[in-house]
């Protein structure tokens, strides 16, 4: 049960309406006024207090509304999944992975490593020669410098 339902108000309720609903419920459920059933009244009053504390504070109410919206979106997604038959679920997963666009992978590779893997053309010397500025590598994937530095070998 959400805080709006606990207080019996609409989500668009004003601060005045929330306060009025809280006071009415507090009169009804306060443990001092329900000596016959103190445990139930105490539990109900704690729920009412938490709901009122959250909804009466503007910032916490905004955060709470965002949380409710996120839960509603998650619930809608789950119900949409449940409505989708299993066979089409598998099919849609397969088609969605086949639609991945790898067209820009070469340019990403080139900008990260400094050379074009298809043409083997060096596009950024600085990225290729990170270990030794004075030595030019013939093979862009040459790990000799890295290995030598790691093993402590000096030439």
N, C-alpha and C. Protein backbone atom coordinates (compact mmCIF):
# COMPACT_ATOMS: atom_id res chain seq x y z
N UNK A 1 0.85 -1.18 0.00
CA UNK A 1 0.00 0.00 0.00
C UNK A 1 0.90 1.24 0.00
N UNK A 2 0.58 2.19 -0.85
CA UNK A 2 1.41 3.39 -0.90
C UNK A 2 0.89 4.45 0.07
N UNK A 3 1.70 5.48 0.26
CA UNK A 3 1.41 6.50 1.27
C UNK A 3 0.13 7.26 0.97
N UNK A 4 -0.16 7.48 -0.30
CA UNK A 4 -1.39 8.17 -0.65
C UNK A 4 -2.61 7.35 -0.24
N UNK A 5 -2.52 6.04 -0.46
CA UNK A 5 -3.62 5.15 -0.08
C UNK A 5 -3.76 5.08 1.43
N UNK A 6 -2.64 5.07 2.14
CA UNK A 6 -2.69 5.03 3.61
C UNK A 6 -3.44 6.24 4.14
N UNK A 7 -3.15 7.42 3.59
CA UNK A 7 -3.82 8.63 4.05
C UNK A 7 -5.18 8.83 3.39
N UNK A 8 -5.46 8.06 2.35
CA UNK A 8 -6.75 8.17 1.68
C UNK A 8 -6.89 9.44 0.86
N UNK A 9 -5.79 9.87 0.27
CA UNK A 9 -5.82 11.08 -0.56
C UNK A 9 -5.36 10.75 -1.97
N UNK A 10 -5.68 11.64 -2.88
CA UNK A 10 -5.27 11.51 -4.27
C UNK A 10 -3.82 11.94 -4.40
N UNK A 11 -3.15 11.47 -5.43
CA UNK A 11 -1.75 11.85 -5.63
C UNK A 11 -1.60 13.36 -5.90
N UNK A 12 -2.64 13.99 -6.38
CA UNK A 12 -2.61 15.43 -6.65
C UNK A 12 -3.02 16.24 -5.43
N UNK A 13 -3.19 15.62 -4.29
CA UNK A 13 -3.69 16.30 -3.09
C UNK A 13 -2.77 17.44 -2.68
N UNK A 14 -3.38 18.50 -2.19
CA UNK A 14 -2.61 19.64 -1.71
C UNK A 14 -2.08 19.34 -0.31
N UNK A 15 -1.15 20.19 0.14
CA UNK A 15 -0.60 20.03 1.49
C UNK A 15 -1.70 20.14 2.53
N UNK A 16 -2.66 21.00 2.29
CA UNK A 16 -3.78 21.19 3.22
C UNK A 16 -4.64 19.93 3.30
N UNK A 17 -4.92 19.31 2.15
CA UNK A 17 -5.72 18.08 2.11
C UNK A 17 -4.98 16.93 2.81
N UNK A 18 -3.67 16.86 2.62
CA UNK A 18 -2.88 15.81 3.27
C UNK A 18 -2.91 15.98 4.79
N UNK A 19 -2.76 17.20 5.23
CA UNK A 19 -2.79 17.49 6.67
C UNK A 19 -4.15 17.15 7.27
N UNK A 20 -5.22 17.50 6.56
CA UNK A 20 -6.58 17.21 7.03
C UNK A 20 -6.80 15.71 7.14
N UNK A 21 -6.37 14.96 6.12
CA UNK A 21 -6.52 13.50 6.13
C UNK A 21 -5.72 12.89 7.28
N UNK A 22 -4.51 13.40 7.50
CA UNK A 22 -3.67 12.90 8.60
C UNK A 22 -4.36 13.11 9.95
N UNK A 23 -4.88 14.30 10.17
CA UNK A 23 -5.53 14.60 11.45
C UNK A 23 -6.74 13.70 11.69
N UNK A 24 -7.53 13.47 10.65
CA UNK A 24 -8.70 12.60 10.79
C UNK A 24 -8.27 11.18 11.14
N UNK A 25 -7.26 10.68 10.45
CA UNK A 25 -6.79 9.33 10.72
C UNK A 25 -6.13 9.22 12.10
N UNK A 26 -5.42 10.26 12.50
CA UNK A 26 -4.78 10.26 13.82
C UNK A 26 -5.83 10.19 14.92
N UNK A 27 -6.93 10.90 14.75
CA UNK A 27 -8.02 10.85 15.74
C UNK A 27 -8.64 9.46 15.79
N UNK A 28 -8.70 8.83 14.63
CA UNK A 28 -9.33 7.51 14.55
C UNK A 28 -8.41 6.41 15.09
N UNK A 29 -7.09 6.47 14.80
CA UNK A 29 -6.20 5.36 15.08
C UNK A 29 -5.20 5.59 16.21
N UNK A 30 -5.22 6.72 16.85
CA UNK A 30 -4.25 6.96 17.92
C UNK A 30 -4.41 5.89 19.01
N UNK A 31 -3.32 5.29 19.48
CA UNK A 31 -3.41 4.21 20.48
C UNK A 31 -4.10 4.63 21.79
N UNK A 32 -3.97 5.89 22.17
CA UNK A 32 -4.65 6.36 23.39
C UNK A 32 -6.16 6.33 23.24
N UNK A 33 -6.64 6.42 22.01
CA UNK A 33 -8.09 6.40 21.76
C UNK A 33 -8.58 5.00 21.40
N UNK A 34 -7.67 4.05 21.31
CA UNK A 34 -8.02 2.66 20.96
C UNK A 34 -7.41 1.70 21.98
N UNK A 35 -7.80 1.86 23.22
CA UNK A 35 -7.22 1.05 24.29
C UNK A 35 -7.60 -0.42 24.17
N UNK A 36 -8.65 -0.72 23.43
CA UNK A 36 -9.06 -2.12 23.25
C UNK A 36 -8.06 -2.86 22.36
N UNK A 37 -7.50 -2.14 21.41
CA UNK A 37 -6.65 -2.76 20.41
C UNK A 37 -5.40 -1.91 20.17
N UNK A 38 -4.59 -1.77 21.22
CA UNK A 38 -3.43 -0.88 21.19
C UNK A 38 -2.41 -1.30 20.14
N UNK A 39 -2.17 -2.60 19.98
CA UNK A 39 -1.16 -3.07 19.02
C UNK A 39 -1.53 -2.72 17.59
N UNK A 40 -2.76 -3.00 17.19
CA UNK A 40 -3.21 -2.72 15.83
C UNK A 40 -3.22 -1.21 15.60
N UNK A 41 -3.72 -0.48 16.58
CA UNK A 41 -3.78 0.98 16.45
C UNK A 41 -2.37 1.57 16.36
N UNK A 42 -1.44 1.05 17.15
CA UNK A 42 -0.07 1.53 17.12
C UNK A 42 0.58 1.28 15.77
N UNK A 43 0.35 0.08 15.23
CA UNK A 43 0.90 -0.26 13.91
C UNK A 43 0.32 0.66 12.84
N UNK A 44 -0.98 0.85 12.89
CA UNK A 44 -1.65 1.70 11.91
C UNK A 44 -1.17 3.15 12.04
N UNK A 45 -0.99 3.60 13.27
CA UNK A 45 -0.55 4.98 13.50
C UNK A 45 0.87 5.19 13.00
N UNK A 46 1.74 4.17 13.13
CA UNK A 46 3.11 4.28 12.61
C UNK A 46 3.09 4.43 11.08
N UNK A 47 2.22 3.65 10.43
CA UNK A 47 2.09 3.76 8.97
C UNK A 47 1.61 5.16 8.58
N UNK A 48 0.64 5.66 9.30
CA UNK A 48 0.08 6.98 9.02
C UNK A 48 1.14 8.06 9.22
N UNK A 49 1.93 7.94 10.29
CA UNK A 49 2.98 8.93 10.56
C UNK A 49 4.05 8.95 9.48
N UNK A 50 4.47 7.76 9.05
CA UNK A 50 5.49 7.68 7.99
C UNK A 50 4.95 8.29 6.70
N UNK A 51 3.71 7.95 6.38
CA UNK A 51 3.10 8.48 5.16
C UNK A 51 3.00 10.00 5.24
N UNK A 52 2.55 10.51 6.37
CA UNK A 52 2.40 11.96 6.52
C UNK A 52 3.75 12.67 6.51
N UNK A 53 4.74 12.11 7.20
CA UNK A 53 6.07 12.72 7.22
C UNK A 53 6.64 12.83 5.81
N UNK A 54 6.43 11.80 5.01
CA UNK A 54 6.95 11.80 3.64
C UNK A 54 6.20 12.77 2.74
N UNK A 55 4.87 12.72 2.81
CA UNK A 55 4.07 13.53 1.89
C UNK A 55 3.95 14.99 2.29
N UNK A 56 4.18 15.29 3.55
CA UNK A 56 4.07 16.68 3.99
C UNK A 56 5.34 17.48 3.71
N UNK A 57 6.45 16.78 3.50
CA UNK A 57 7.70 17.44 3.15
C UNK A 57 7.81 17.46 1.62
N UNK A 58 7.92 18.63 1.06
CA UNK A 58 7.89 18.79 -0.40
C UNK A 58 8.99 17.99 -1.10
N UNK A 59 10.20 18.03 -0.56
CA UNK A 59 11.32 17.33 -1.19
C UNK A 59 11.15 15.82 -1.11
N UNK A 60 10.78 15.33 0.08
CA UNK A 60 10.62 13.88 0.21
C UNK A 60 9.42 13.39 -0.59
N UNK A 61 8.43 14.25 -0.77
CA UNK A 61 7.26 13.87 -1.59
C UNK A 61 7.67 13.72 -3.05
N UNK A 62 8.50 14.63 -3.53
CA UNK A 62 8.98 14.55 -4.92
C UNK A 62 9.78 13.26 -5.11
N UNK A 63 10.66 12.96 -4.16
CA UNK A 63 11.45 11.72 -4.23
C UNK A 63 10.54 10.50 -4.20
N UNK A 64 9.53 10.54 -3.34
CA UNK A 64 8.60 9.41 -3.23
C UNK A 64 7.82 9.24 -4.53
N UNK A 65 7.38 10.34 -5.13
CA UNK A 65 6.64 10.26 -6.39
C UNK A 65 7.52 9.67 -7.50
N UNK A 66 8.80 10.04 -7.52
CA UNK A 66 9.72 9.46 -8.49
C UNK A 66 9.85 7.96 -8.28
N UNK A 67 9.91 7.56 -7.01
CA UNK A 67 10.00 6.13 -6.69
C UNK A 67 8.74 5.40 -7.16
N UNK A 68 7.58 5.99 -6.93
CA UNK A 68 6.33 5.38 -7.39
C UNK A 68 6.30 5.25 -8.91
N UNK A 69 6.77 6.30 -9.60
CA UNK A 69 6.79 6.26 -11.06
C UNK A 69 7.72 5.16 -11.57
N UNK A 70 8.87 5.02 -10.91
CA UNK A 70 9.83 3.98 -11.31
C UNK A 70 9.25 2.59 -11.09
N UNK A 71 8.56 2.41 -9.96
CA UNK A 71 7.94 1.11 -9.68
C UNK A 71 6.83 0.82 -10.69
N UNK A 72 6.08 1.84 -11.07
CA UNK A 72 5.01 1.65 -12.04
C UNK A 72 5.58 1.27 -13.41
N UNK A 73 6.68 1.91 -13.78
CA UNK A 73 7.32 1.59 -15.06
C UNK A 73 7.86 0.16 -15.05
N UNK A 74 8.46 -0.22 -13.92
CA UNK A 74 9.00 -1.58 -13.79
C UNK A 74 7.87 -2.60 -13.85
N UNK A 75 6.78 -2.30 -13.19
CA UNK A 75 5.63 -3.20 -13.19
C UNK A 75 5.04 -3.32 -14.59
N UNK A 76 4.98 -2.21 -15.31
CA UNK A 76 4.46 -2.24 -16.68
C UNK A 76 5.34 -3.09 -17.58
N UNK A 77 6.66 -2.98 -17.39
CA UNK A 77 7.59 -3.80 -18.18
C UNK A 77 7.39 -5.28 -17.90
N UNK A 78 7.24 -5.61 -16.61
CA UNK A 78 7.07 -7.01 -16.23
C UNK A 78 5.77 -7.57 -16.78
N UNK A 79 4.70 -6.78 -16.73
CA UNK A 79 3.43 -7.28 -17.24
C UNK A 79 3.49 -7.42 -18.77
N UNK A 80 4.23 -6.54 -19.42
CA UNK A 80 4.39 -6.66 -20.87
C UNK A 80 5.16 -7.93 -21.21
N UNK A 81 6.16 -8.26 -20.39
CA UNK A 81 6.92 -9.49 -20.62
C UNK A 81 6.04 -10.72 -20.43
N UNK A 82 5.18 -10.66 -19.41
CA UNK A 82 4.32 -11.81 -19.13
C UNK A 82 3.29 -12.00 -20.23
N UNK A 83 2.88 -10.92 -20.87
CA UNK A 83 1.90 -11.02 -21.95
C UNK A 83 2.52 -11.55 -23.24
N UNK A 84 3.83 -11.40 -23.40
CA UNK A 84 4.52 -11.86 -24.59
C UNK A 84 4.70 -13.37 -24.51
N UNK A 85 4.27 -14.11 -25.52
CA UNK A 85 4.48 -15.57 -25.51
C UNK A 85 5.97 -15.90 -25.50
N UNK A 86 6.31 -17.06 -24.92
CA UNK A 86 7.71 -17.45 -24.77
C UNK A 86 8.43 -17.56 -26.11
N UNK A 87 7.76 -18.08 -27.12
CA UNK A 87 8.43 -18.26 -28.41
C UNK A 87 8.82 -16.91 -29.02
N UNK A 88 7.93 -15.95 -28.92
CA UNK A 88 8.28 -14.66 -29.52
C UNK A 88 9.29 -13.92 -28.66
N UNK A 89 9.34 -14.23 -27.35
CA UNK A 89 10.35 -13.62 -26.49
C UNK A 89 11.74 -14.04 -26.95
N UNK A 90 11.91 -15.34 -27.24
CA UNK A 90 13.20 -15.83 -27.71
C UNK A 90 13.54 -15.20 -29.05
N UNK A 91 12.56 -15.11 -29.91
CA UNK A 91 12.77 -14.55 -31.23
C UNK A 91 13.16 -13.08 -31.14
N UNK A 92 12.49 -12.33 -30.26
CA UNK A 92 12.81 -10.90 -30.16
C UNK A 92 14.19 -10.70 -29.56
N UNK A 93 14.62 -11.58 -28.67
CA UNK A 93 15.97 -11.46 -28.11
C UNK A 93 17.00 -11.71 -29.19
N UNK A 94 16.73 -12.68 -30.05
CA UNK A 94 17.67 -13.00 -31.12
C UNK A 94 17.73 -11.86 -32.13
N UNK A 95 16.59 -11.30 -32.47
CA UNK A 95 16.61 -10.23 -33.46
C UNK A 95 17.22 -8.96 -32.90
N UNK A 96 17.03 -8.70 -31.60
CA UNK A 96 17.61 -7.48 -31.05
C UNK A 96 19.13 -7.56 -31.01
N UNK A 97 19.68 -8.75 -30.76
CA UNK A 97 21.14 -8.86 -30.74
C UNK A 97 21.72 -8.80 -32.15
N UNK A 98 20.94 -9.23 -33.14
CA UNK A 98 21.45 -9.18 -34.51
C UNK A 98 21.38 -7.76 -35.07
N UNK A 99 20.68 -6.86 -34.40
CA UNK A 99 20.57 -5.49 -34.86
C UNK A 99 21.66 -4.60 -34.28
N UNK A 100 22.59 -5.16 -33.55
CA UNK A 100 23.67 -4.36 -32.98
C UNK A 100 24.51 -3.80 -34.11
N UNK A 101 24.80 -2.52 -34.04
CA UNK A 101 25.53 -1.85 -35.10
C UNK A 101 27.02 -1.83 -34.77
N UNK A 102 27.78 -2.61 -35.49
CA UNK A 102 29.23 -2.64 -35.31
C UNK A 102 29.93 -1.80 -36.38
N UNK A 103 29.18 -0.98 -37.07
CA UNK A 103 29.75 -0.17 -38.15
C UNK A 103 30.83 0.78 -37.68
N UNK A 104 30.70 1.31 -36.48
CA UNK A 104 31.67 2.28 -35.99
C UNK A 104 32.78 1.66 -35.17
N UNK A 105 32.89 0.34 -35.16
CA UNK A 105 33.89 -0.30 -34.31
C UNK A 105 35.31 -0.03 -34.81
N UNK A 106 35.48 0.04 -36.12
CA UNK A 106 36.82 0.33 -36.66
C UNK A 106 37.31 1.70 -36.24
N UNK A 107 36.42 2.69 -36.31
CA UNK A 107 36.84 4.04 -35.92
C UNK A 107 37.11 4.11 -34.41
N UNK A 108 36.35 3.37 -33.62
CA UNK A 108 36.60 3.33 -32.18
C UNK A 108 37.94 2.67 -31.90
N UNK A 109 38.20 1.57 -32.57
CA UNK A 109 39.46 0.86 -32.43
C UNK A 109 40.62 1.78 -32.82
N UNK A 110 40.44 2.47 -33.93
CA UNK A 110 41.47 3.36 -34.45
C UNK A 110 41.77 4.50 -33.48
N UNK A 111 40.73 5.08 -32.90
CA UNK A 111 40.96 6.20 -31.97
C UNK A 111 41.58 5.72 -30.66
N UNK A 112 41.30 4.49 -30.27
CA UNK A 112 41.86 3.98 -29.03
C UNK A 112 43.30 3.50 -29.19
N UNK A 113 43.56 2.73 -30.25
CA UNK A 113 44.88 2.13 -30.43
C UNK A 113 45.82 2.94 -31.34
N UNK A 114 45.29 3.85 -32.14
CA UNK A 114 46.14 4.71 -32.95
C UNK A 114 46.47 4.17 -34.32
N UNK A 115 45.78 3.15 -34.78
CA UNK A 115 45.99 2.67 -36.15
C UNK A 115 44.72 2.02 -36.66
N UNK A 116 44.60 1.97 -37.98
CA UNK A 116 43.45 1.36 -38.63
C UNK A 116 43.74 -0.13 -38.81
N UNK A 117 42.94 -1.02 -38.23
CA UNK A 117 43.23 -2.45 -38.31
C UNK A 117 43.10 -3.03 -39.72
N UNK A 118 42.30 -2.42 -40.57
CA UNK A 118 42.14 -2.95 -41.92
C UNK A 118 43.29 -2.54 -42.83
N UNK A 119 43.64 -1.27 -42.80
CA UNK A 119 44.69 -0.77 -43.69
C UNK A 119 46.07 -0.78 -43.04
N UNK A 120 46.12 -0.99 -41.74
CA UNK A 120 47.35 -0.97 -40.94
C UNK A 120 48.04 0.39 -41.00
N UNK A 121 47.27 1.40 -41.31
CA UNK A 121 47.79 2.76 -41.38
C UNK A 121 47.80 3.36 -39.97
N UNK A 122 48.94 3.92 -39.60
CA UNK A 122 49.08 4.56 -38.30
C UNK A 122 48.41 5.92 -38.35
N UNK A 123 47.50 6.16 -37.41
CA UNK A 123 46.77 7.43 -37.38
C UNK A 123 47.17 8.31 -36.20
N UNK A 124 47.77 7.70 -35.19
CA UNK A 124 48.18 8.48 -34.02
C UNK A 124 49.45 7.87 -33.43
N UNK A 125 50.59 8.45 -33.75
CA UNK A 125 51.89 7.94 -33.29
C UNK A 125 51.98 7.88 -31.77
N UNK A 126 51.40 8.87 -31.10
CA UNK A 126 51.51 8.94 -29.64
C UNK A 126 50.87 7.73 -28.96
N UNK A 127 49.77 7.26 -29.51
CA UNK A 127 49.11 6.11 -28.91
C UNK A 127 49.87 4.81 -29.16
N UNK A 128 50.58 4.75 -30.25
CA UNK A 128 51.36 3.55 -30.57
C UNK A 128 52.65 3.48 -29.77
N UNK A 129 53.28 4.58 -29.56
CA UNK A 129 54.59 4.61 -28.92
C UNK A 129 54.49 5.12 -27.49
N UNK A 130 53.74 4.44 -26.68
CA UNK A 130 53.56 4.90 -25.31
C UNK A 130 54.75 4.57 -24.43
N UNK A 131 55.50 3.52 -24.76
CA UNK A 131 56.61 3.11 -23.90
C UNK A 131 57.94 3.76 -24.28
N UNK A 132 58.18 3.92 -25.55
CA UNK A 132 59.45 4.55 -25.95
C UNK A 132 59.20 5.52 -27.09
N UNK A 133 59.44 6.76 -26.84
CA UNK A 133 59.18 7.79 -27.84
C UNK A 133 60.21 7.75 -28.97
N UNK A 134 61.42 7.23 -28.66
CA UNK A 134 62.47 7.25 -29.68
C UNK A 134 62.39 6.06 -30.64
N UNK A 135 61.66 5.01 -30.30
CA UNK A 135 61.61 3.81 -31.14
C UNK A 135 60.26 3.70 -31.84
N UNK A 136 60.26 3.55 -33.15
CA UNK A 136 59.02 3.40 -33.90
C UNK A 136 58.71 1.91 -34.05
N UNK A 137 57.46 1.56 -33.82
CA UNK A 137 57.07 0.16 -33.93
C UNK A 137 56.64 -0.15 -35.35
N UNK A 138 57.02 -1.32 -35.80
CA UNK A 138 56.57 -1.76 -37.12
C UNK A 138 55.20 -2.41 -36.98
N UNK A 139 55.01 -3.17 -35.94
CA UNK A 139 53.75 -3.86 -35.69
C UNK A 139 52.98 -3.08 -34.62
N UNK A 140 51.81 -2.59 -34.92
CA UNK A 140 51.06 -1.80 -33.95
C UNK A 140 50.70 -2.57 -32.68
N UNK A 141 50.66 -3.89 -32.78
CA UNK A 141 50.32 -4.69 -31.61
C UNK A 141 51.56 -5.28 -30.93
N UNK A 142 52.72 -4.76 -31.25
CA UNK A 142 53.97 -5.23 -30.68
C UNK A 142 54.00 -4.91 -29.19
N UNK A 143 54.20 -5.92 -28.39
CA UNK A 143 54.21 -5.75 -26.93
C UNK A 143 55.61 -5.86 -26.37
N UNK A 144 56.60 -5.76 -27.20
CA UNK A 144 57.99 -5.92 -26.76
C UNK A 144 58.33 -4.91 -25.67
N UNK A 145 58.02 -3.64 -25.88
CA UNK A 145 58.32 -2.62 -24.87
C UNK A 145 57.64 -2.94 -23.54
N UNK A 146 56.40 -3.31 -23.61
CA UNK A 146 55.66 -3.63 -22.38
C UNK A 146 56.32 -4.80 -21.65
N UNK A 147 56.65 -5.86 -22.40
CA UNK A 147 57.27 -7.03 -21.81
C UNK A 147 58.63 -6.68 -21.19
N UNK A 148 59.41 -5.90 -21.91
CA UNK A 148 60.74 -5.52 -21.42
C UNK A 148 60.63 -4.68 -20.14
N UNK A 149 59.70 -3.76 -20.11
CA UNK A 149 59.53 -2.96 -18.91
C UNK A 149 59.04 -3.81 -17.74
N UNK A 150 58.14 -4.73 -18.02
CA UNK A 150 57.59 -5.57 -16.96
C UNK A 150 58.65 -6.51 -16.40
N UNK A 151 59.46 -7.07 -17.26
CA UNK A 151 60.48 -8.02 -16.83
C UNK A 151 61.77 -7.34 -16.34
N UNK A 152 61.87 -6.04 -16.59
CA UNK A 152 63.04 -5.30 -16.15
C UNK A 152 64.24 -5.48 -17.06
N UNK A 153 64.01 -5.87 -18.29
CA UNK A 153 65.11 -6.07 -19.25
C UNK A 153 65.47 -4.73 -19.86
N UNK A 154 66.77 -4.45 -19.92
CA UNK A 154 67.22 -3.21 -20.54
C UNK A 154 68.04 -3.56 -21.76
N UNK A 155 67.87 -2.83 -22.84
CA UNK A 155 68.66 -3.05 -24.07
C UNK A 155 69.79 -2.11 -24.13
